[in-house]
């Protein structure tokens, strides 16, 4: 399973919604995710990708779209 598919699976599981927005569409503006779901997404990303997301990075804009999540993961490699 490629990285985007793994990210998508996390988002679907946390949001309990199969209708995932496109990769460049805001997860928050569409209502797909809210501020209560973000910690669950970040925790799942940490587990799935074996990373630690520092408190300094807990900015929703960094995780606003699937593309931004991928860019963030790129920066952590």
Protein backbone atom coordinates (compact mmCIF):
# COMPACT_ATOMS: atom_id res chain seq x y z
CA UNK A 1 0.00 0.00 0.00
CA UNK A 2 1.49 3.34 -0.99
CA UNK A 3 1.77 6.27 1.38
CA UNK A 4 -1.25 8.20 0.05
CA UNK A 5 -3.42 5.11 0.45
CA UNK A 6 -2.18 4.72 4.04
CA UNK A 7 -2.96 8.38 4.79
CA UNK A 8 -6.38 8.03 3.17
CA UNK A 9 -7.14 4.94 5.25
CA UNK A 10 -6.27 6.83 8.44
CA UNK A 11 -8.47 9.77 7.48
CA UNK A 12 -11.40 7.52 6.58
CA UNK A 13 -11.06 5.60 9.85
CA UNK A 14 -10.84 8.72 12.04
CA UNK A 15 -13.60 10.63 10.21
CA UNK A 16 -15.76 7.50 9.86
CA UNK A 17 -16.46 8.71 6.33
CA UNK A 18 -15.52 6.95 3.10
CA UNK A 19 -16.09 10.03 0.89
CA UNK A 20 -12.58 11.48 1.10
CA UNK A 21 -12.03 14.92 -0.47
CA UNK A 22 -9.45 15.30 -3.25
CA UNK A 23 -5.76 15.58 -2.30
CA UNK A 24 -5.68 19.37 -2.58
CA UNK A 25 -9.05 20.04 -0.93
CA UNK A 26 -9.17 21.29 2.68
CA UNK A 27 -10.18 18.58 5.11
CA UNK A 28 -11.33 21.23 7.57
CA UNK A 29 -13.19 23.61 5.25
CA UNK A 30 -15.18 20.70 3.83
CA UNK A 31 -16.06 19.52 7.33
CA UNK A 32 -14.37 16.18 6.74
CA UNK A 33 -12.22 16.77 9.84
CA UNK A 34 -12.57 19.10 12.77
CA UNK A 35 -10.26 20.16 15.57
CA UNK A 36 -11.42 17.22 17.69
CA UNK A 37 -10.41 14.68 15.04
CA UNK A 38 -6.99 16.19 14.36
CA UNK A 39 -5.27 14.68 17.44
CA UNK A 40 -6.55 11.24 16.44
CA UNK A 41 -5.20 11.71 12.91
CA UNK A 42 -1.82 12.86 14.22
CA UNK A 43 -1.59 9.93 16.63
CA UNK A 44 -2.46 7.50 13.84
CA UNK A 45 0.14 9.10 11.54
CA UNK A 46 2.77 8.71 14.26
CA UNK A 47 1.94 5.03 14.67
CA UNK A 48 1.61 4.26 10.97
CA UNK A 49 4.80 6.01 9.88
CA UNK A 50 6.93 5.56 13.01
CA UNK A 51 7.42 9.28 13.59
CA UNK A 52 6.92 11.70 16.44
CA UNK A 53 5.09 14.92 15.70
CA UNK A 54 6.43 17.59 18.06
CA UNK A 55 4.10 20.04 19.78
CA UNK A 56 5.63 22.85 17.71
CA UNK A 57 4.13 21.22 14.59
CA UNK A 58 0.57 21.03 15.94
CA UNK A 59 -0.76 23.56 13.47
CA UNK A 60 -3.89 22.48 11.58
CA UNK A 61 -2.63 24.25 8.42
CA UNK A 62 0.19 21.70 8.17
CA UNK A 63 -2.40 18.92 7.96
CA UNK A 64 -5.15 20.74 6.04
CA UNK A 65 -5.03 18.58 2.91
CA UNK A 66 -3.76 15.16 1.94
CA UNK A 67 -1.03 16.88 -0.09
CA UNK A 68 0.09 18.88 2.96
CA UNK A 69 0.16 15.72 5.07
CA UNK A 70 2.37 14.12 2.42
CA UNK A 71 4.65 17.17 2.37
CA UNK A 72 4.89 17.04 6.14
CA UNK A 73 5.82 13.37 6.04
CA UNK A 74 8.44 14.15 3.35
CA UNK A 75 9.99 16.70 5.71
CA UNK A 76 10.21 14.10 8.48
CA UNK A 77 12.18 11.56 6.43
